[in-house]
Amino acid sequence: MTIVAKLLDDFGDNWHWVVLHDVEPRGETHFWASHIDTICGVMLDEGGSVAELVDTGAPDEPDCSMCLSGGAGLSASVLQEAEKILEVAIPNNS
């Protein structure tokens, strides 16, 4: 199931293509998904969870340029692992 969404403050002001994988309905507005990510590579949940879909007036298309162009070309899990490596390799000097 692919929807246009933003979750709380995680995405700032951008709307994204959010993908709920292996969806099973759990009521009218609740859906279980094996994992949830975005087309642009943000991993939202990888352990299986129930998502509540709330009508927030989302547009028909996202405004995230990476989502619109088809994503980063890598899976969300690969991007997440790369981010962890970069955090270790380039520590925050603040």
N, C-alpha and C. Protein backbone atom coordinates (compact mmCIF):
# COMPACT_ATOMS: atom_id res chain seq x y z
N MET A 1 0.86 -1.16 0.00
CA MET A 1 0.00 0.00 0.00
C MET A 1 0.91 1.23 0.00
N THR A 2 0.73 2.12 -0.96
CA THR A 2 1.52 3.34 -1.04
C THR A 2 0.60 4.53 -0.88
N ILE A 3 0.96 5.42 0.04
CA ILE A 3 0.15 6.61 0.32
C ILE A 3 1.04 7.84 0.34
N VAL A 4 0.45 9.01 0.21
CA VAL A 4 1.17 10.26 0.41
C VAL A 4 0.95 10.64 1.86
N ALA A 5 2.05 10.85 2.59
CA ALA A 5 1.92 11.14 4.02
C ALA A 5 3.14 11.86 4.55
N LYS A 6 2.97 12.41 5.73
CA LYS A 6 4.09 12.85 6.55
C LYS A 6 3.75 12.45 7.97
N LEU A 7 4.76 12.08 8.73
CA LEU A 7 4.52 11.57 10.07
C LEU A 7 5.08 12.54 11.11
N LEU A 8 4.21 13.10 11.89
CA LEU A 8 4.58 14.01 12.96
C LEU A 8 5.64 14.98 12.47
N ASP A 9 6.75 15.08 13.18
CA ASP A 9 7.80 16.02 12.79
C ASP A 9 8.93 15.34 12.04
N ASP A 10 8.81 14.03 11.78
CA ASP A 10 9.89 13.29 11.14
C ASP A 10 10.26 13.84 9.77
N PHE A 11 9.29 14.37 9.04
CA PHE A 11 9.55 14.81 7.68
C PHE A 11 9.50 16.32 7.52
N GLY A 12 9.42 17.07 8.60
CA GLY A 12 9.33 18.52 8.47
C GLY A 12 8.08 18.88 7.70
N ASP A 13 8.25 19.66 6.66
CA ASP A 13 7.12 20.13 5.88
C ASP A 13 6.87 19.32 4.61
N ASN A 14 7.67 18.30 4.35
CA ASN A 14 7.56 17.55 3.10
C ASN A 14 6.55 16.41 3.18
N TRP A 15 5.86 16.23 2.06
CA TRP A 15 4.98 15.07 1.87
C TRP A 15 5.79 14.03 1.11
N HIS A 16 5.66 12.75 1.49
CA HIS A 16 6.43 11.66 0.89
C HIS A 16 5.51 10.55 0.41
N TRP A 17 6.05 9.72 -0.52
CA TRP A 17 5.40 8.45 -0.83
C TRP A 17 5.80 7.52 0.30
N VAL A 18 4.85 7.08 1.10
CA VAL A 18 5.10 6.15 2.20
C VAL A 18 4.56 4.78 1.79
N VAL A 19 5.40 3.76 1.96
CA VAL A 19 5.04 2.41 1.53
C VAL A 19 4.86 1.52 2.76
N LEU A 20 3.67 0.96 2.89
CA LEU A 20 3.37 -0.03 3.93
C LEU A 20 3.46 -1.39 3.25
N HIS A 21 4.38 -2.25 3.70
CA HIS A 21 4.63 -3.54 3.06
C HIS A 21 3.83 -4.66 3.73
N ASP A 22 3.35 -5.60 2.93
CA ASP A 22 2.61 -6.78 3.42
C ASP A 22 1.45 -6.37 4.31
N VAL A 23 0.62 -5.49 3.82
CA VAL A 23 -0.46 -4.88 4.61
C VAL A 23 -1.59 -5.86 4.91
N GLU A 24 -2.06 -5.79 6.16
CA GLU A 24 -3.26 -6.52 6.59
C GLU A 24 -4.16 -5.53 7.31
N PRO A 25 -5.42 -5.37 6.88
CA PRO A 25 -6.33 -4.46 7.57
C PRO A 25 -6.57 -4.89 9.01
N ARG A 26 -6.60 -3.92 9.91
CA ARG A 26 -6.89 -4.17 11.33
C ARG A 26 -7.98 -3.24 11.82
N GLY A 27 -8.94 -2.98 10.99
CA GLY A 27 -10.01 -2.05 11.30
C GLY A 27 -10.15 -1.07 10.15
N GLU A 28 -10.99 -0.09 10.33
CA GLU A 28 -11.27 0.85 9.25
C GLU A 28 -10.08 1.76 8.92
N THR A 29 -9.33 2.18 9.94
CA THR A 29 -8.21 3.11 9.72
C THR A 29 -6.87 2.56 10.18
N HIS A 30 -6.83 1.31 10.63
CA HIS A 30 -5.59 0.71 11.12
C HIS A 30 -5.16 -0.42 10.20
N PHE A 31 -3.85 -0.48 9.95
CA PHE A 31 -3.28 -1.48 9.06
C PHE A 31 -1.99 -2.00 9.66
N TRP A 32 -1.84 -3.33 9.70
CA TRP A 32 -0.57 -3.92 10.09
C TRP A 32 0.32 -3.97 8.86
N ALA A 33 1.60 -3.67 9.03
CA ALA A 33 2.57 -3.75 7.94
C ALA A 33 3.85 -4.39 8.46
N SER A 34 4.49 -5.22 7.63
CA SER A 34 5.74 -5.86 8.05
C SER A 34 6.85 -4.84 8.23
N HIS A 35 6.85 -3.82 7.41
CA HIS A 35 7.74 -2.68 7.58
C HIS A 35 7.20 -1.50 6.79
N ILE A 36 7.65 -0.31 7.17
CA ILE A 36 7.14 0.92 6.55
C ILE A 36 8.35 1.78 6.20
N ASP A 37 8.39 2.22 4.94
CA ASP A 37 9.48 3.11 4.52
C ASP A 37 8.95 4.10 3.48
N THR A 38 9.84 4.93 2.99
CA THR A 38 9.45 5.89 1.96
C THR A 38 10.20 5.56 0.67
N ILE A 39 9.68 6.05 -0.43
CA ILE A 39 10.33 5.85 -1.73
C ILE A 39 11.73 6.46 -1.72
N CYS A 40 11.92 7.55 -0.98
CA CYS A 40 13.22 8.23 -0.96
C CYS A 40 14.20 7.60 0.02
N GLY A 41 13.80 6.53 0.72
CA GLY A 41 14.77 5.79 1.52
C GLY A 41 14.71 5.97 3.02
N VAL A 42 13.68 6.57 3.57
CA VAL A 42 13.58 6.72 5.02
C VAL A 42 12.89 5.48 5.58
N MET A 43 13.57 4.75 6.49
CA MET A 43 12.97 3.59 7.14
C MET A 43 12.20 4.10 8.36
N LEU A 44 10.90 3.84 8.38
CA LEU A 44 10.07 4.32 9.48
C LEU A 44 9.86 3.24 10.53
N ASP A 45 9.70 2.00 10.12
CA ASP A 45 9.52 0.90 11.05
C ASP A 45 9.88 -0.38 10.33
N GLU A 46 10.74 -1.18 10.94
CA GLU A 46 11.14 -2.41 10.29
C GLU A 46 10.81 -3.66 11.09
N GLY A 47 10.01 -3.52 12.15
CA GLY A 47 9.72 -4.67 12.99
C GLY A 47 8.29 -5.15 12.96
N GLY A 48 7.51 -4.68 12.04
CA GLY A 48 6.11 -5.04 12.00
C GLY A 48 5.32 -4.21 12.99
N SER A 49 4.38 -3.43 12.51
CA SER A 49 3.62 -2.55 13.39
C SER A 49 2.27 -2.24 12.79
N VAL A 50 1.41 -1.71 13.64
CA VAL A 50 0.10 -1.26 13.19
C VAL A 50 0.16 0.26 13.00
N ALA A 51 -0.19 0.70 11.81
CA ALA A 51 -0.20 2.12 11.49
C ALA A 51 -1.64 2.60 11.45
N GLU A 52 -1.87 3.77 12.03
CA GLU A 52 -3.19 4.38 11.94
C GLU A 52 -3.13 5.45 10.86
N LEU A 53 -4.00 5.33 9.88
CA LEU A 53 -4.04 6.31 8.81
C LEU A 53 -5.09 7.36 9.15
N VAL A 54 -4.64 8.61 9.20
CA VAL A 54 -5.50 9.73 9.55
C VAL A 54 -5.55 10.68 8.37
N ASP A 55 -6.73 11.12 7.98
CA ASP A 55 -6.87 12.05 6.87
C ASP A 55 -6.34 13.42 7.29
N THR A 56 -5.21 13.79 6.72
CA THR A 56 -4.58 15.08 7.05
C THR A 56 -4.64 16.04 5.87
N GLY A 57 -5.46 15.71 4.89
CA GLY A 57 -5.56 16.59 3.73
C GLY A 57 -4.36 16.48 2.81
N ALA A 58 -3.79 15.28 2.72
CA ALA A 58 -2.60 15.08 1.89
C ALA A 58 -2.90 15.38 0.43
N PRO A 59 -1.92 15.93 -0.29
CA PRO A 59 -2.09 16.15 -1.73
C PRO A 59 -2.06 14.82 -2.48
N ASP A 60 -2.40 14.84 -3.76
CA ASP A 60 -2.36 13.63 -4.58
C ASP A 60 -0.93 13.15 -4.84
N GLU A 61 0.00 14.08 -4.86
CA GLU A 61 1.41 13.77 -5.10
C GLU A 61 2.25 14.37 -3.98
N PRO A 62 3.36 13.71 -3.61
CA PRO A 62 4.24 14.29 -2.60
C PRO A 62 4.99 15.50 -3.15
N ASP A 63 5.62 16.27 -2.26
CA ASP A 63 6.47 17.36 -2.72
C ASP A 63 7.95 17.07 -2.45
N CYS A 64 8.26 15.86 -2.00
CA CYS A 64 9.65 15.44 -1.81
C CYS A 64 10.24 15.14 -3.19
N SER A 65 11.28 15.85 -3.56
CA SER A 65 11.86 15.67 -4.89
C SER A 65 12.44 14.27 -5.08
N MET A 66 12.98 13.67 -4.01
CA MET A 66 13.53 12.31 -4.11
C MET A 66 12.41 11.29 -4.34
N CYS A 67 11.29 11.46 -3.66
CA CYS A 67 10.15 10.54 -3.87
C CYS A 67 9.62 10.68 -5.29
N LEU A 68 9.51 11.90 -5.77
CA LEU A 68 8.99 12.14 -7.11
C LEU A 68 9.89 11.59 -8.20
N SER A 69 11.20 11.56 -7.94
CA SER A 69 12.13 11.06 -8.95
C SER A 69 12.33 9.55 -8.84
N GLY A 70 11.61 8.91 -7.93
CA GLY A 70 11.71 7.46 -7.83
C GLY A 70 12.62 6.99 -6.72
N GLY A 71 13.09 7.89 -5.90
CA GLY A 71 13.90 7.52 -4.74
C GLY A 71 15.38 7.62 -4.98
N ALA A 72 16.10 7.14 -4.00
CA ALA A 72 17.56 7.24 -4.00
C ALA A 72 18.21 6.12 -4.80
N GLY A 73 17.41 5.18 -5.30
CA GLY A 73 17.97 4.07 -6.06
C GLY A 73 18.47 2.93 -5.19
N LEU A 74 18.37 3.09 -3.86
CA LEU A 74 18.78 2.05 -2.93
C LEU A 74 17.62 1.77 -1.99
N SER A 75 17.58 0.58 -1.44
CA SER A 75 16.51 0.27 -0.50
C SER A 75 16.70 1.06 0.78
N ALA A 76 15.62 1.23 1.53
CA ALA A 76 15.68 1.98 2.78
C ALA A 76 16.64 1.32 3.76
N SER A 77 16.69 0.00 3.80
CA SER A 77 17.59 -0.68 4.75
C SER A 77 19.05 -0.44 4.38
N VAL A 78 19.39 -0.42 3.10
CA VAL A 78 20.76 -0.13 2.68
C VAL A 78 21.13 1.31 3.03
N LEU A 79 20.21 2.24 2.80
CA LEU A 79 20.47 3.64 3.15
C LEU A 79 20.64 3.81 4.65
N GLN A 80 19.87 3.09 5.45
CA GLN A 80 19.98 3.18 6.90
C GLN A 80 21.34 2.66 7.36
N GLU A 81 21.81 1.55 6.79
CA GLU A 81 23.12 1.01 7.14
C GLU A 81 24.23 1.98 6.74
N ALA A 82 24.10 2.61 5.57
CA ALA A 82 25.10 3.59 5.12
C ALA A 82 25.14 4.78 6.07
N GLU A 83 23.98 5.21 6.55
CA GLU A 83 23.92 6.33 7.50
C GLU A 83 24.65 5.98 8.79
N LYS A 84 24.47 4.74 9.29
CA LYS A 84 25.16 4.30 10.51
C LYS A 84 26.67 4.31 10.31
N ILE A 85 27.12 3.84 9.16
CA ILE A 85 28.55 3.83 8.86
C ILE A 85 29.11 5.24 8.82
N LEU A 86 28.39 6.15 8.17
CA LEU A 86 28.85 7.53 8.09
C LEU A 86 28.90 8.20 9.47
N GLU A 87 27.95 7.88 10.34
CA GLU A 87 27.96 8.44 11.69
C GLU A 87 29.19 8.03 12.46
N VAL A 88 29.65 6.79 12.25
CA VAL A 88 30.86 6.30 12.92
C VAL A 88 32.10 6.90 12.26
N ALA A 89 32.11 6.95 10.95
CA ALA A 89 33.28 7.43 10.20
C ALA A 89 33.48 8.93 10.34
N ILE A 90 32.38 9.67 10.45
CA ILE A 90 32.45 11.13 10.54
C ILE A 90 31.71 11.54 11.80
N PRO A 91 32.37 11.46 12.97
CA PRO A 91 31.68 11.79 14.21
C PRO A 91 31.32 13.28 14.27
N ASN A 92 30.26 13.56 15.00
CA ASN A 92 29.80 14.94 15.17
C ASN A 92 30.78 15.67 16.08
N ASN A 93 31.37 16.73 15.61
CA ASN A 93 32.38 17.47 16.37
C ASN A 93 31.80 18.62 17.17
N SER A 94 30.50 18.59 17.47
CA SER A 94 29.92 19.70 18.23
C SER A 94 30.08 19.52 19.71
